[in-house]
C-alpha cells in the first residue's frame, strides 16, 4: 500500500477532429478549478501532469495525464475530475467519442461509388 501519495492516471479520449492542444488546456483548467475547491484541495498534492497525446485508438485520440493525491484519495479525486471534465467538454462542444462504424462501399474502376439505398422502418 502507498504511504506518502497515490496517482490517478487519466486516459482521456476525444474525437480525432478535436484540437489536442485545446483539450490539454481544458484539462489544465479543470485541474486548477479542482485544486482551488476547498472540498478537494487538501487531497491533491501537485498540479496535474499531462504527458501528451498517447495513442491513436480506433475511434479516439488518447491524452494521458496523472494527478498526485494523498494515499487512497486518488479514486475520489479522479471521479470528481472526470465529472468536471465531462461538463467542461459538454460546455465547449468537445466530442467524447463512442464506438461507431463508417461504411465505405468502395469505388468501381471508374472511381465512382455505387449507390446505396437506405430505408428506415418503424416496426
PDB file of N, CA and C in Angstrom:
ATOM      1  N   UNK A   1       0.828  -1.180   0.000  1.00  0.00           N
ATOM      2  CA  UNK A   1       0.000   0.000   0.000  1.00  0.00           C
ATOM      3  C   UNK A   1       0.875   1.246   0.000  1.00  0.00           C
ATOM      4  N   UNK A   2       0.323   2.263  -0.504  1.00  0.00           N
ATOM      5  CA  UNK A   2       1.001   3.548  -0.582  1.00  0.00           C
ATOM      6  C   UNK A   2       1.010   4.226   0.770  1.00  0.00           C
ATOM      7  N   UNK A   3       2.120   4.872   1.111  1.00  0.00           N
ATOM      8  CA  UNK A   3       2.205   5.560   2.394  1.00  0.00           C
ATOM      9  C   UNK A   3       2.218   7.071   2.244  1.00  0.00           C
ATOM     10  N   UNK A   4       2.871   7.565   1.208  1.00  0.00           N
ATOM     11  CA  UNK A   4       3.057   9.004   1.078  1.00  0.00           C
ATOM     12  C   UNK A   4       2.133   9.656   0.053  1.00  0.00           C
ATOM     13  N   UNK A   5       1.833   8.957  -1.031  1.00  0.00           N
ATOM     14  CA  UNK A   5       0.988   9.543  -2.077  1.00  0.00           C
ATOM     15  C   UNK A   5       0.448   8.446  -2.982  1.00  0.00           C
ATOM     16  N   UNK A   6      -0.524   8.822  -3.778  1.00  0.00           N
ATOM     17  CA  UNK A   6      -1.083   7.947  -4.820  1.00  0.00           C
ATOM     18  C   UNK A   6      -1.183   8.755  -6.102  1.00  0.00           C
ATOM     19  N   UNK A   7      -1.283   8.054  -7.214  1.00  0.00           N
ATOM     20  CA  UNK A   7      -1.514   8.701  -8.509  1.00  0.00           C
ATOM     21  C   UNK A   7      -2.818   8.175  -9.093  1.00  0.00           C
ATOM     22  N   UNK A   8      -3.529   9.046  -9.765  1.00  0.00           N
ATOM     23  CA  UNK A   8      -4.663   8.641 -10.583  1.00  0.00           C
ATOM     24  C   UNK A   8      -4.264   8.927 -12.022  1.00  0.00           C
ATOM     25  N   UNK A   9      -4.303   7.912 -12.865  1.00  0.00           N
ATOM     26  CA  UNK A   9      -3.899   8.048 -14.266  1.00  0.00           C
ATOM     27  C   UNK A   9      -5.148   8.205 -15.127  1.00  0.00           C
ATOM     28  N   UNK A  10      -5.114   9.213 -15.989  1.00  0.00           N
ATOM     29  CA  UNK A  10      -6.223   9.506 -16.895  1.00  0.00           C
ATOM     30  C   UNK A  10      -5.852   9.097 -18.313  1.00  0.00           C
ATOM     31  N   UNK A  11      -6.740   8.402 -18.970  1.00  0.00           N
ATOM     32  CA  UNK A  11      -6.679   8.174 -20.409  1.00  0.00           C
ATOM     33  C   UNK A  11      -7.899   8.897 -20.969  1.00  0.00           C
ATOM     34  N   UNK A  12      -7.678  10.090 -21.484  1.00  0.00           N
ATOM     35  CA  UNK A  12      -8.761  10.964 -21.914  1.00  0.00           C
ATOM     36  C   UNK A  12      -8.924  10.843 -23.418  1.00  0.00           C
ATOM     37  N   UNK A  13     -10.026  10.235 -23.845  1.00  0.00           N
ATOM     38  CA  UNK A  13     -10.274  10.032 -25.264  1.00  0.00           C
ATOM     39  C   UNK A  13     -11.157  11.130 -25.834  1.00  0.00           C
ATOM     40  N   UNK A  14     -10.707  11.708 -26.934  1.00  0.00           N
ATOM     41  CA  UNK A  14     -11.507  12.708 -27.652  1.00  0.00           C
ATOM     42  C   UNK A  14     -11.501  12.355 -29.136  1.00  0.00           C
ATOM     43  N   UNK A  15     -12.464  12.906 -29.844  1.00  0.00           N
ATOM     44  CA  UNK A  15     -12.600  12.624 -31.275  1.00  0.00           C
ATOM     45  C   UNK A  15     -11.379  13.122 -32.042  1.00  0.00           C
ATOM     46  N   UNK A  16     -11.086  12.481 -33.139  1.00  0.00           N
ATOM     47  CA  UNK A  16      -9.954  12.857 -33.981  1.00  0.00           C
ATOM     48  C   UNK A  16     -10.039  14.302 -34.461  1.00  0.00           C
ATOM     49  N   UNK A  17     -11.242  14.818 -34.600  1.00  0.00           N
ATOM     50  CA  UNK A  17     -11.422  16.175 -35.120  1.00  0.00           C
ATOM     51  C   UNK A  17     -11.008  17.253 -34.119  1.00  0.00           C
ATOM     52  N   UNK A  18     -10.872  16.891 -32.842  1.00  0.00           N
ATOM     53  CA  UNK A  18     -10.600  17.883 -31.797  1.00  0.00           C
ATOM     54  C   UNK A  18      -9.146  18.342 -31.819  1.00  0.00           C
ATOM     55  N   UNK A  19      -8.945  19.591 -31.417  1.00  0.00           N
ATOM     56  CA  UNK A  19      -7.607  20.167 -31.308  1.00  0.00           C
ATOM     57  C   UNK A  19      -7.010  19.688 -29.983  1.00  0.00           C
ATOM     58  N   UNK A  20      -5.965  18.898 -30.057  1.00  0.00           N
ATOM     59  CA  UNK A  20      -5.367  18.285 -28.871  1.00  0.00           C
ATOM     60  C   UNK A  20      -4.836  19.350 -27.908  1.00  0.00           C
ATOM     61  N   UNK A  21      -4.253  20.418 -28.431  1.00  0.00           N
ATOM     62  CA  UNK A  21      -3.737  21.479 -27.563  1.00  0.00           C
ATOM     63  C   UNK A  21      -4.876  22.152 -26.794  1.00  0.00           C
ATOM     64  N   UNK A  22      -6.015  22.353 -27.448  1.00  0.00           N
ATOM     65  CA  UNK A  22      -7.174  22.937 -26.774  1.00  0.00           C
ATOM     66  C   UNK A  22      -7.680  22.010 -25.672  1.00  0.00           C
ATOM     67  N   UNK A  23      -7.727  20.725 -25.961  1.00  0.00           N
ATOM     68  CA  UNK A  23      -8.185  19.756 -24.973  1.00  0.00           C
ATOM     69  C   UNK A  23      -7.239  19.745 -23.766  1.00  0.00           C
ATOM     70  N   UNK A  24      -5.944  19.757 -24.012  1.00  0.00           N
ATOM     71  CA  UNK A  24      -4.986  19.752 -22.904  1.00  0.00           C
ATOM     72  C   UNK A  24      -5.115  21.034 -22.070  1.00  0.00           C
ATOM     73  N   UNK A  25      -5.413  22.154 -22.705  1.00  0.00           N
ATOM     74  CA  UNK A  25      -5.633  23.405 -21.970  1.00  0.00           C
ATOM     75  C   UNK A  25      -6.866  23.284 -21.080  1.00  0.00           C
ATOM     76  N   UNK A  26      -7.923  22.637 -21.574  1.00  0.00           N
ATOM     77  CA  UNK A  26      -9.128  22.432 -20.768  1.00  0.00           C
ATOM     78  C   UNK A  26      -8.855  21.496 -19.590  1.00  0.00           C
ATOM     79  N   UNK A  27      -8.037  20.481 -19.812  1.00  0.00           N
ATOM     80  CA  UNK A  27      -7.659  19.573 -18.723  1.00  0.00           C
ATOM     81  C   UNK A  27      -6.944  20.369 -17.627  1.00  0.00           C
ATOM     82  N   UNK A  28      -6.024  21.241 -18.019  1.00  0.00           N
ATOM     83  CA  UNK A  28      -5.339  22.089 -17.040  1.00  0.00           C
ATOM     84  C   UNK A  28      -6.318  23.000 -16.309  1.00  0.00           C
ATOM     85  N   UNK A  29      -7.277  23.548 -17.034  1.00  0.00           N
ATOM     86  CA  UNK A  29      -8.291  24.430 -16.451  1.00  0.00           C
ATOM     87  C   UNK A  29      -9.102  23.698 -15.379  1.00  0.00           C
ATOM     88  N   UNK A  30      -9.542  22.495 -15.702  1.00  0.00           N
ATOM     89  CA  UNK A  30     -10.316  21.702 -14.747  1.00  0.00           C
ATOM     90  C   UNK A  30      -9.465  21.375 -13.523  1.00  0.00           C
ATOM     91  N   UNK A  31      -8.197  21.056 -13.745  1.00  0.00           N
ATOM     92  CA  UNK A  31      -7.302  20.764 -12.624  1.00  0.00           C
ATOM     93  C   UNK A  31      -7.165  21.973 -11.700  1.00  0.00           C
ATOM     94  N   UNK A  32      -6.987  23.150 -12.279  1.00  0.00           N
ATOM     95  CA  UNK A  32      -6.861  24.367 -11.473  1.00  0.00           C
ATOM     96  C   UNK A  32      -8.127  24.615 -10.656  1.00  0.00           C
ATOM     97  N   UNK A  33      -9.284  24.420 -11.276  1.00  0.00           N
ATOM     98  CA  UNK A  33     -10.553  24.614 -10.579  1.00  0.00           C
ATOM     99  C   UNK A  33     -10.709  23.615  -9.431  1.00  0.00           C
ATOM    100  N   UNK A  34     -10.330  22.366  -9.671  1.00  0.00           N
ATOM    101  CA  UNK A  34     -10.454  21.337  -8.647  1.00  0.00           C
ATOM    102  C   UNK A  34      -9.504  21.611  -7.486  1.00  0.00           C
ATOM    103  N   UNK A  35      -8.283  22.021  -7.800  1.00  0.00           N
ATOM    104  CA  UNK A  35      -7.317  22.324  -6.736  1.00  0.00           C
ATOM    105  C   UNK A  35      -7.711  23.564  -5.944  1.00  0.00           C
ATOM    106  N   UNK A  36      -8.519  24.437  -6.519  1.00  0.00           N
ATOM    107  CA  UNK A  36      -8.978  25.640  -5.829  1.00  0.00           C
ATOM    108  C   UNK A  36     -10.222  25.376  -4.975  1.00  0.00           C
ATOM    109  N   UNK A  37     -10.855  24.233  -5.154  1.00  0.00           N
ATOM    110  CA  UNK A  37     -12.065  23.887  -4.415  1.00  0.00           C
ATOM    111  C   UNK A  37     -11.668  23.361  -3.035  1.00  0.00           C
ATOM    112  N   UNK A  38     -12.094  24.027  -1.959  1.00  0.00           N
ATOM    113  CA  UNK A  38     -11.698  23.612  -0.616  1.00  0.00           C
ATOM    114  C   UNK A  38     -12.112  22.178  -0.260  1.00  0.00           C
ATOM    115  N   UNK A  39     -13.163  21.684  -0.898  1.00  0.00           N
ATOM    116  CA  UNK A  39     -13.610  20.318  -0.616  1.00  0.00           C
ATOM    117  C   UNK A  39     -12.603  19.270  -1.103  1.00  0.00           C
ATOM    118  N   UNK A  40     -11.807  19.610  -2.139  1.00  0.00           N
ATOM    119  CA  UNK A  40     -10.893  18.640  -2.738  1.00  0.00           C
ATOM    120  C   UNK A  40      -9.418  19.031  -2.626  1.00  0.00           C
ATOM    121  N   UNK A  41      -9.145  20.295  -2.430  1.00  0.00           N
ATOM    122  CA  UNK A  41      -7.760  20.784  -2.492  1.00  0.00           C
ATOM    123  C   UNK A  41      -6.827  20.108  -1.487  1.00  0.00           C
ATOM    124  N   UNK A  42      -7.341  19.749  -0.324  1.00  0.00           N
ATOM    125  CA  UNK A  42      -6.496  19.118   0.690  1.00  0.00           C
ATOM    126  C   UNK A  42      -6.010  17.735   0.315  1.00  0.00           C
ATOM    127  N   UNK A  43      -6.672  17.094  -0.647  1.00  0.00           N
ATOM    128  CA  UNK A  43      -6.288  15.740  -1.057  1.00  0.00           C
ATOM    129  C   UNK A  43      -5.387  15.716  -2.291  1.00  0.00           C
ATOM    130  N   UNK A  44      -5.192  16.871  -2.925  1.00  0.00           N
ATOM    131  CA  UNK A  44      -4.384  16.939  -4.149  1.00  0.00           C
ATOM    132  C   UNK A  44      -3.016  17.503  -3.788  1.00  0.00           C
ATOM    133  N   UNK A  45      -1.964  16.773  -4.132  1.00  0.00           N
ATOM    134  CA  UNK A  45      -0.611  17.146  -3.720  1.00  0.00           C
ATOM    135  C   UNK A  45       0.173  17.936  -4.760  1.00  0.00           C
ATOM    136  N   UNK A  46      -0.251  17.887  -6.024  1.00  0.00           N
ATOM    137  CA  UNK A  46       0.509  18.575  -7.078  1.00  0.00           C
ATOM    138  C   UNK A  46      -0.399  18.839  -8.268  1.00  0.00           C
ATOM    139  N   UNK A  47      -0.029  19.815  -9.100  1.00  0.00           N
ATOM    140  CA  UNK A  47      -0.792  20.037 -10.336  1.00  0.00           C
ATOM    141  C   UNK A  47      -0.748  18.799 -11.234  1.00  0.00           C
ATOM    142  N   UNK A  48      -1.748  18.689 -12.069  1.00  0.00           N
ATOM    143  CA  UNK A  48      -1.822  17.554 -12.987  1.00  0.00           C
ATOM    144  C   UNK A  48      -0.615  17.541 -13.916  1.00  0.00           C
ATOM    145  N   UNK A  49      -0.145  16.356 -14.235  1.00  0.00           N
ATOM    146  CA  UNK A  49       0.917  16.178 -15.232  1.00  0.00           C
ATOM    147  C   UNK A  49       0.256  15.654 -16.501  1.00  0.00           C
ATOM    148  N   UNK A  50       0.366  16.400 -17.569  1.00  0.00           N
ATOM    149  CA  UNK A  50      -0.168  15.945 -18.853  1.00  0.00           C
ATOM    150  C   UNK A  50       0.998  15.454 -19.681  1.00  0.00           C
ATOM    151  N   UNK A  51       0.995  14.176 -20.001  1.00  0.00           N
ATOM    152  CA  UNK A  51       2.092  13.585 -20.754  1.00  0.00           C
ATOM    153  C   UNK A  51       1.958  13.830 -22.247  1.00  0.00           C
ATOM    154  N   UNK A  52       0.741  14.114 -22.692  1.00  0.00           N
ATOM    155  CA  UNK A  52       0.521  14.422 -24.099  1.00  0.00           C
ATOM    156  C   UNK A  52      -0.313  13.373 -24.801  1.00  0.00           C
ATOM    157  N   UNK A  53      -0.299  13.454 -26.131  1.00  0.00           N
ATOM    158  CA  UNK A  53      -1.052  12.523 -26.965  1.00  0.00           C
ATOM    159  C   UNK A  53      -0.384  11.159 -26.891  1.00  0.00           C
ATOM    160  N   UNK A  54      -1.100  10.194 -26.355  1.00  0.00           N
ATOM    161  CA  UNK A  54      -0.518   8.885 -26.061  1.00  0.00           C
ATOM    162  C   UNK A  54      -0.832   7.835 -27.114  1.00  0.00           C
ATOM    163  N   UNK A  55      -2.050   7.873 -27.672  1.00  0.00           N
ATOM    164  CA  UNK A  55      -2.462   6.817 -28.603  1.00  0.00           C
ATOM    165  C   UNK A  55      -3.384   7.344 -29.688  1.00  0.00           C
ATOM    166  N   UNK A  56      -3.315   6.683 -30.826  1.00  0.00           N
ATOM    167  CA  UNK A  56      -4.304   6.840 -31.881  1.00  0.00           C
ATOM    168  C   UNK A  56      -5.166   5.579 -31.836  1.00  0.00           C
ATOM    169  N   UNK A  57      -6.272   5.646 -31.133  1.00  0.00           N
ATOM    170  CA  UNK A  57      -7.142   4.484 -30.970  1.00  0.00           C
ATOM    171  C   UNK A  57      -8.135   4.410 -32.130  1.00  0.00           C
ATOM    172  N   UNK A  58      -8.983   3.384 -32.122  1.00  0.00           N
ATOM    173  CA  UNK A  58      -9.936   3.178 -33.213  1.00  0.00           C
ATOM    174  C   UNK A  58     -10.859   4.370 -33.432  1.00  0.00           C
ATOM    175  N   UNK A  59     -11.428   4.909 -32.369  1.00  0.00           N
ATOM    176  CA  UNK A  59     -12.410   5.983 -32.511  1.00  0.00           C
ATOM    177  C   UNK A  59     -11.984   7.277 -31.828  1.00  0.00           C
ATOM    178  N   UNK A  60     -10.783   7.304 -31.255  1.00  0.00           N
ATOM    179  CA  UNK A  60     -10.384   8.469 -30.462  1.00  0.00           C
ATOM    180  C   UNK A  60      -8.876   8.628 -30.452  1.00  0.00           C
ATOM    181  N   UNK A  61      -8.450   9.841 -30.137  1.00  0.00           N
ATOM    182  CA  UNK A  61      -7.057  10.057 -29.759  1.00  0.00           C
ATOM    183  C   UNK A  61      -7.054  10.106 -28.231  1.00  0.00           C
ATOM    184  N   UNK A  62      -6.037   9.531 -27.626  1.00  0.00           N
ATOM    185  CA  UNK A  62      -5.990   9.389 -26.175  1.00  0.00           C
ATOM    186  C   UNK A  62      -4.887  10.280 -25.607  1.00  0.00           C
ATOM    187  N   UNK A  63      -5.281  11.143 -24.693  1.00  0.00           N
ATOM    188  CA  UNK A  63      -4.332  12.004 -23.991  1.00  0.00           C
ATOM    189  C   UNK A  63      -4.112  11.393 -22.618  1.00  0.00           C
ATOM    190  N   UNK A  64      -2.857  11.221 -22.246  1.00  0.00           N
ATOM    191  CA  UNK A  64      -2.533  10.607 -20.953  1.00  0.00           C
ATOM    192  C   UNK A  64      -2.079  11.682 -19.981  1.00  0.00           C
ATOM    193  N   UNK A  65      -2.580  11.564 -18.749  1.00  0.00           N
ATOM    194  CA  UNK A  65      -2.224  12.502 -17.687  1.00  0.00           C
ATOM    195  C   UNK A  65      -2.311  11.769 -16.354  1.00  0.00           C
ATOM    196  N   UNK A  66      -1.791  12.416 -15.313  1.00  0.00           N
ATOM    197  CA  UNK A  66      -1.951  11.858 -13.973  1.00  0.00           C
ATOM    198  C   UNK A  66      -1.954  12.973 -12.945  1.00  0.00           C
ATOM    199  N   UNK A  67      -2.605  12.687 -11.835  1.00  0.00           N
ATOM    200  CA  UNK A  67      -2.626  13.619 -10.725  1.00  0.00           C
ATOM    201  C   UNK A  67      -2.111  12.910  -9.482  1.00  0.00           C
ATOM    202  N   UNK A  68      -1.478  13.669  -8.616  1.00  0.00           N
ATOM    203  CA  UNK A  68      -0.890  13.126  -7.397  1.00  0.00           C
ATOM    204  C   UNK A  68      -1.762  13.523  -6.215  1.00  0.00           C
ATOM    205  N   UNK A  69      -2.156  12.529  -5.420  1.00  0.00           N
ATOM    206  CA  UNK A  69      -3.064  12.753  -4.304  1.00  0.00           C
ATOM    207  C   UNK A  69      -2.495  12.165  -3.018  1.00  0.00           C
ATOM    208  N   UNK A  70      -3.173  12.462  -1.942  1.00  0.00           N
ATOM    209  CA  UNK A  70      -2.875  11.777  -0.691  1.00  0.00           C
ATOM    210  C   UNK A  70      -3.198  10.294  -0.879  1.00  0.00           C
ATOM    211  N   UNK A  71      -2.590   9.435  -0.068  1.00  0.00           N
ATOM    212  CA  UNK A  71      -2.849   8.000  -0.201  1.00  0.00           C
ATOM    213  C   UNK A  71      -4.336   7.672  -0.149  1.00  0.00           C
ATOM    214  N   UNK A  72      -4.750   6.808  -1.037  1.00  0.00           N
ATOM    215  CA  UNK A  72      -6.097   6.259  -1.126  1.00  0.00           C
ATOM    216  C   UNK A  72      -7.155   7.313  -1.530  1.00  0.00           C
ATOM    217  N   UNK A  73      -6.747   8.513  -1.845  1.00  0.00           N
ATOM    218  CA  UNK A  73      -7.698   9.554  -2.250  1.00  0.00           C
ATOM    219  C   UNK A  73      -7.790   9.683  -3.769  1.00  0.00           C
ATOM    220  N   UNK A  74      -6.980   8.910  -4.503  1.00  0.00           N
ATOM    221  CA  UNK A  74      -6.928   9.053  -5.958  1.00  0.00           C
ATOM    222  C   UNK A  74      -8.264   8.765  -6.635  1.00  0.00           C
ATOM    223  N   UNK A  75      -9.045   7.818  -6.096  1.00  0.00           N
ATOM    224  CA  UNK A  75     -10.311   7.449  -6.732  1.00  0.00           C
ATOM    225  C   UNK A  75     -11.332   8.570  -6.586  1.00  0.00           C
ATOM    226  N   UNK A  76     -11.388   9.163  -5.424  1.00  0.00           N
ATOM    227  CA  UNK A  76     -12.309  10.278  -5.166  1.00  0.00           C
ATOM    228  C   UNK A  76     -11.969  11.467  -6.063  1.00  0.00           C
ATOM    229  N   UNK A  77     -10.698  11.790  -6.122  1.00  0.00           N
ATOM    230  CA  UNK A  77     -10.263  12.922  -6.944  1.00  0.00           C
ATOM    231  C   UNK A  77     -10.465  12.607  -8.422  1.00  0.00           C
ATOM    232  N   UNK A  78     -10.139  11.394  -8.835  1.00  0.00           N
ATOM    233  CA  UNK A  78     -10.310  11.006 -10.232  1.00  0.00           C
ATOM    234  C   UNK A  78     -11.762  11.075 -10.682  1.00  0.00           C
ATOM    235  N   UNK A  79     -12.666  10.610  -9.849  1.00  0.00           N
ATOM    236  CA  UNK A  79     -14.094  10.647 -10.203  1.00  0.00           C
ATOM    237  C   UNK A  79     -14.600  12.080 -10.330  1.00  0.00           C
ATOM    238  N   UNK A  80     -14.205  12.932  -9.383  1.00  0.00           N
ATOM    239  CA  UNK A  80     -14.652  14.322  -9.441  1.00  0.00           C
ATOM    240  C   UNK A  80     -14.034  15.046 -10.640  1.00  0.00           C
ATOM    241  N   UNK A  81     -12.765  14.752 -10.916  1.00  0.00           N
ATOM    242  CA  UNK A  81     -12.106  15.351 -12.071  1.00  0.00           C
ATOM    243  C   UNK A  81     -12.837  14.944 -13.349  1.00  0.00           C
ATOM    244  N   UNK A  82     -13.137  13.663 -13.487  1.00  0.00           N
ATOM    245  CA  UNK A  82     -13.838  13.178 -14.679  1.00  0.00           C
ATOM    246  C   UNK A  82     -15.211  13.837 -14.823  1.00  0.00           C
ATOM    247  N   UNK A  83     -15.930  13.994 -13.718  1.00  0.00           N
ATOM    248  CA  UNK A  83     -17.238  14.637 -13.756  1.00  0.00           C
ATOM    249  C   UNK A  83     -17.124  16.070 -14.264  1.00  0.00           C
ATOM    250  N   UNK A  84     -16.145  16.786 -13.741  1.00  0.00           N
ATOM    251  CA  UNK A  84     -15.952  18.180 -14.139  1.00  0.00           C
ATOM    252  C   UNK A  84     -15.446  18.291 -15.578  1.00  0.00           C
ATOM    253  N   UNK A  85     -14.582  17.366 -15.973  1.00  0.00           N
ATOM    254  CA  UNK A  85     -14.062  17.404 -17.346  1.00  0.00           C
ATOM    255  C   UNK A  85     -15.182  17.128 -18.346  1.00  0.00           C
ATOM    256  N   UNK A  86     -16.057  16.186 -18.043  1.00  0.00           N
ATOM    257  CA  UNK A  86     -17.207  15.903 -18.923  1.00  0.00           C
ATOM    258  C   UNK A  86     -18.079  17.143 -19.070  1.00  0.00           C
ATOM    259  N   UNK A  87     -18.342  17.824 -17.973  1.00  0.00           N
ATOM    260  CA  UNK A  87     -19.149  19.048 -18.019  1.00  0.00           C
ATOM    261  C   UNK A  87     -18.452  20.121 -18.854  1.00  0.00           C
ATOM    262  N   UNK A  88     -17.145  20.246 -18.706  1.00  0.00           N
ATOM    263  CA  UNK A  88     -16.378  21.248 -19.475  1.00  0.00           C
ATOM    264  C   UNK A  88     -16.395  20.896 -20.960  1.00  0.00           C
ATOM    265  N   UNK A  89     -16.228  19.610 -21.298  1.00  0.00           N
ATOM    266  CA  UNK A  89     -16.288  19.182 -22.694  1.00  0.00           C
ATOM    267  C   UNK A  89     -17.669  19.472 -23.278  1.00  0.00           C
ATOM    268  N   UNK A  90     -18.718  19.195 -22.528  1.00  0.00           N
ATOM    269  CA  UNK A  90     -20.076  19.487 -22.994  1.00  0.00           C
ATOM    270  C   UNK A  90     -20.238  20.984 -23.251  1.00  0.00           C
ATOM    271  N   UNK A  91     -19.746  21.792 -22.338  1.00  0.00           N
ATOM    272  CA  UNK A  91     -19.854  23.248 -22.457  1.00  0.00           C
ATOM    273  C   UNK A  91     -19.112  23.768 -23.684  1.00  0.00           C
ATOM    274  N   UNK A  92     -17.951  23.191 -23.982  1.00  0.00           N
ATOM    275  CA  UNK A  92     -17.111  23.666 -25.080  1.00  0.00           C
ATOM    276  C   UNK A  92     -17.348  22.925 -26.396  1.00  0.00           C
ATOM    277  N   UNK A  93     -18.244  21.935 -26.384  1.00  0.00           N
ATOM    278  CA  UNK A  93     -18.539  21.194 -27.611  1.00  0.00           C
ATOM    279  C   UNK A  93     -17.440  20.220 -28.011  1.00  0.00           C
ATOM    280  N   UNK A  94     -16.673  19.739 -27.058  1.00  0.00           N
ATOM    281  CA  UNK A  94     -15.622  18.753 -27.331  1.00  0.00           C
ATOM    282  C   UNK A  94     -16.280  17.375 -27.365  1.00  0.00           C
ATOM    283  N   UNK A  95     -16.059  16.650 -28.453  1.00  0.00           N
ATOM    284  CA  UNK A  95     -16.700  15.341 -28.611  1.00  0.00           C
ATOM    285  C   UNK A  95     -15.917  14.255 -27.906  1.00  0.00           C
ATOM    286  N   UNK A  96     -16.620  13.554 -27.027  1.00  0.00           N
ATOM    287  CA  UNK A  96     -16.079  12.331 -26.437  1.00  0.00           C
ATOM    288  C   UNK A  96     -16.604  11.204 -27.317  1.00  0.00           C
ATOM    289  N   UNK A  97     -15.736  10.502 -27.999  1.00  0.00           N
ATOM    290  CA  UNK A  97     -16.218   9.534 -28.989  1.00  0.00           C
ATOM    291  C   UNK A  97     -16.875   8.319 -28.354  1.00  0.00           C
ATOM    292  N   UNK A  98     -17.670   7.685 -29.147  1.00  0.00           N
ATOM    293  CA  UNK A  98     -18.325   6.450 -28.781  1.00  0.00           C
ATOM    294  C   UNK A  98     -18.112   5.498 -29.946  1.00  0.00           C
ATOM    295  N   UNK A  99     -18.172   4.212 -29.719  1.00  0.00           N
ATOM    296  CA  UNK A  99     -17.957   3.275 -30.823  1.00  0.00           C
ATOM    297  C   UNK A  99     -18.974   3.510 -31.940  1.00  0.00           C
ATOM    298  N   UNK A 100     -18.481   3.616 -33.136  1.00  0.00           N
ATOM    299  CA  UNK A 100     -19.348   3.761 -34.298  1.00  0.00           C
ATOM    300  C   UNK A 100     -18.645   3.174 -35.516  1.00  0.00           C
ATOM    301  N   UNK A 101     -19.417   2.959 -36.546  1.00  0.00           N
ATOM    302  CA  UNK A 101     -18.892   2.342 -37.768  1.00  0.00           C
ATOM    303  C   UNK A 101     -19.185   3.255 -38.951  1.00  0.00           C
ATOM    304  N   UNK A 102     -18.174   3.458 -39.769  1.00  0.00           N
ATOM    305  CA  UNK A 102     -18.367   4.168 -41.024  1.00  0.00           C
ATOM    306  C   UNK A 102     -18.350   3.124 -42.135  1.00  0.00           C
ATOM    307  N   UNK A 103     -19.405   3.076 -42.920  1.00  0.00           N
ATOM    308  CA  UNK A 103     -19.473   2.129 -44.022  1.00  0.00           C
ATOM    309  C   UNK A 103     -18.893   2.766 -45.279  1.00  0.00           C
ATOM    310  N   UNK A 104     -18.001   2.067 -45.908  1.00  0.00           N
ATOM    311  CA  UNK A 104     -17.395   2.524 -47.155  1.00  0.00           C
ATOM    312  C   UNK A 104     -17.659   1.447 -48.190  1.00  0.00           C
ATOM    313  N   UNK A 105     -18.414   1.792 -49.203  1.00  0.00           N
ATOM    314  CA  UNK A 105     -18.828   0.801 -50.187  1.00  0.00           C
ATOM    315  C   UNK A 105     -17.800   0.596 -51.291  1.00  0.00           C
ATOM    316  N   UNK A 106     -16.732   1.342 -51.250  1.00  0.00           N
ATOM    317  CA  UNK A 106     -15.705   1.192 -52.271  1.00  0.00           C
ATOM    318  C   UNK A 106     -16.029   1.976 -53.527  1.00  0.00           C
ATOM    319  N   UNK A 107     -15.172   1.823 -54.520  1.00  0.00           N
ATOM    320  CA  UNK A 107     -15.352   2.507 -55.798  1.00  0.00           C
ATOM    321  C   UNK A 107     -15.206   1.500 -56.927  1.00  0.00           C
ATOM    322  N   UNK A 108     -15.917   1.786 -58.016  1.00  0.00           N
ATOM    323  CA  UNK A 108     -15.731   0.938 -59.191  1.00  0.00           C
ATOM    324  C   UNK A 108     -14.464   1.379 -59.926  1.00  0.00           C
ATOM    325  N   UNK A 109     -14.161   0.764 -61.049  1.00  0.00           N
ATOM    326  CA  UNK A 109     -12.919   1.056 -61.780  1.00  0.00           C
ATOM    327  C   UNK A 109     -12.881   2.469 -62.351  1.00  0.00           C
ATOM    328  N   UNK A 110     -14.018   3.107 -62.452  1.00  0.00           N
ATOM    329  CA  UNK A 110     -14.061   4.478 -62.950  1.00  0.00           C
ATOM    330  C   UNK A 110     -13.978   5.506 -61.812  1.00  0.00           C
ATOM    331  N   UNK A 111     -13.803   5.045 -60.594  1.00  0.00           N
ATOM    332  CA  UNK A 111     -13.682   5.949 -59.459  1.00  0.00           C
ATOM    333  C   UNK A 111     -14.994   6.427 -58.891  1.00  0.00           C
ATOM    334  N   UNK A 112     -16.083   5.787 -59.286  1.00  0.00           N
ATOM    335  CA  UNK A 112     -17.408   6.169 -58.800  1.00  0.00           C
ATOM    336  C   UNK A 112     -17.837   5.235 -57.672  1.00  0.00           C
ATOM    337  N   UNK A 113     -18.496   5.795 -56.702  1.00  0.00           N
ATOM    338  CA  UNK A 113     -19.034   4.983 -55.614  1.00  0.00           C
ATOM    339  C   UNK A 113     -20.402   4.460 -56.035  1.00  0.00           C
ATOM    340  N   UNK A 114     -20.686   3.196 -55.796  1.00  0.00           N
ATOM    341  CA  UNK A 114     -22.001   2.663 -56.151  1.00  0.00           C
ATOM    342  C   UNK A 114     -23.076   3.277 -55.255  1.00  0.00           C
ATOM    343  N   UNK A 115     -24.298   3.403 -55.764  1.00  0.00           N
ATOM    344  CA  UNK A 115     -25.374   3.953 -54.945  1.00  0.00           C
ATOM    345  C   UNK A 115     -25.715   3.010 -53.790  1.00  0.00           C
ATOM    346  N   UNK A 116     -26.118   3.587 -52.690  1.00  0.00           N
ATOM    347  CA  UNK A 116     -26.544   2.820 -51.540  1.00  0.00           C
ATOM    348  C   UNK A 116     -27.977   3.216 -51.232  1.00  0.00           C
ATOM    349  N   UNK A 117     -28.843   2.252 -51.228  1.00  0.00           N
ATOM    350  CA  UNK A 117     -30.245   2.513 -50.912  1.00  0.00           C
ATOM    351  C   UNK A 117     -30.482   2.245 -49.436  1.00  0.00           C
ATOM    352  N   UNK A 118     -31.038   3.235 -48.786  1.00  0.00           N
ATOM    353  CA  UNK A 118     -31.296   3.121 -47.356  1.00  0.00           C
ATOM    354  C   UNK A 118     -32.769   3.375 -47.102  1.00  0.00           C
ATOM    355  N   UNK A 119     -33.364   2.539 -46.275  1.00  0.00           N
ATOM    356  CA  UNK A 119     -34.739   2.797 -45.854  1.00  0.00           C
ATOM    357  C   UNK A 119     -34.805   2.603 -44.351  1.00  0.00           C
ATOM    358  N   UNK A 120     -35.618   3.439 -43.726  1.00  0.00           N
ATOM    359  CA  UNK A 120     -35.800   3.353 -42.284  1.00  0.00           C
ATOM    360  C   UNK A 120     -37.228   2.901 -42.046  1.00  0.00           C
ATOM    361  N   UNK A 121     -37.349   1.839 -41.269  1.00  0.00           N
ATOM    362  CA  UNK A 121     -38.669   1.284 -40.980  1.00  0.00           C
ATOM    363  C   UNK A 121     -38.955   1.429 -39.491  1.00  0.00           C
ATOM    364  N   UNK A 122     -40.203   1.725 -39.223  1.00  0.00           N
ATOM    365  CA  UNK A 122     -40.663   1.724 -37.843  1.00  0.00           C
ATOM    366  C   UNK A 122     -41.504   0.483 -37.658  1.00  0.00           C
ATOM    367  N   UNK A 123     -41.007  -0.452 -36.891  1.00  0.00           N
ATOM    368  CA  UNK A 123     -41.758  -1.695 -36.656  1.00  0.00           C
ATOM    369  C   UNK A 123     -42.345  -1.706 -35.279  1.00  0.00           C
TER     370      UNK A 123
END
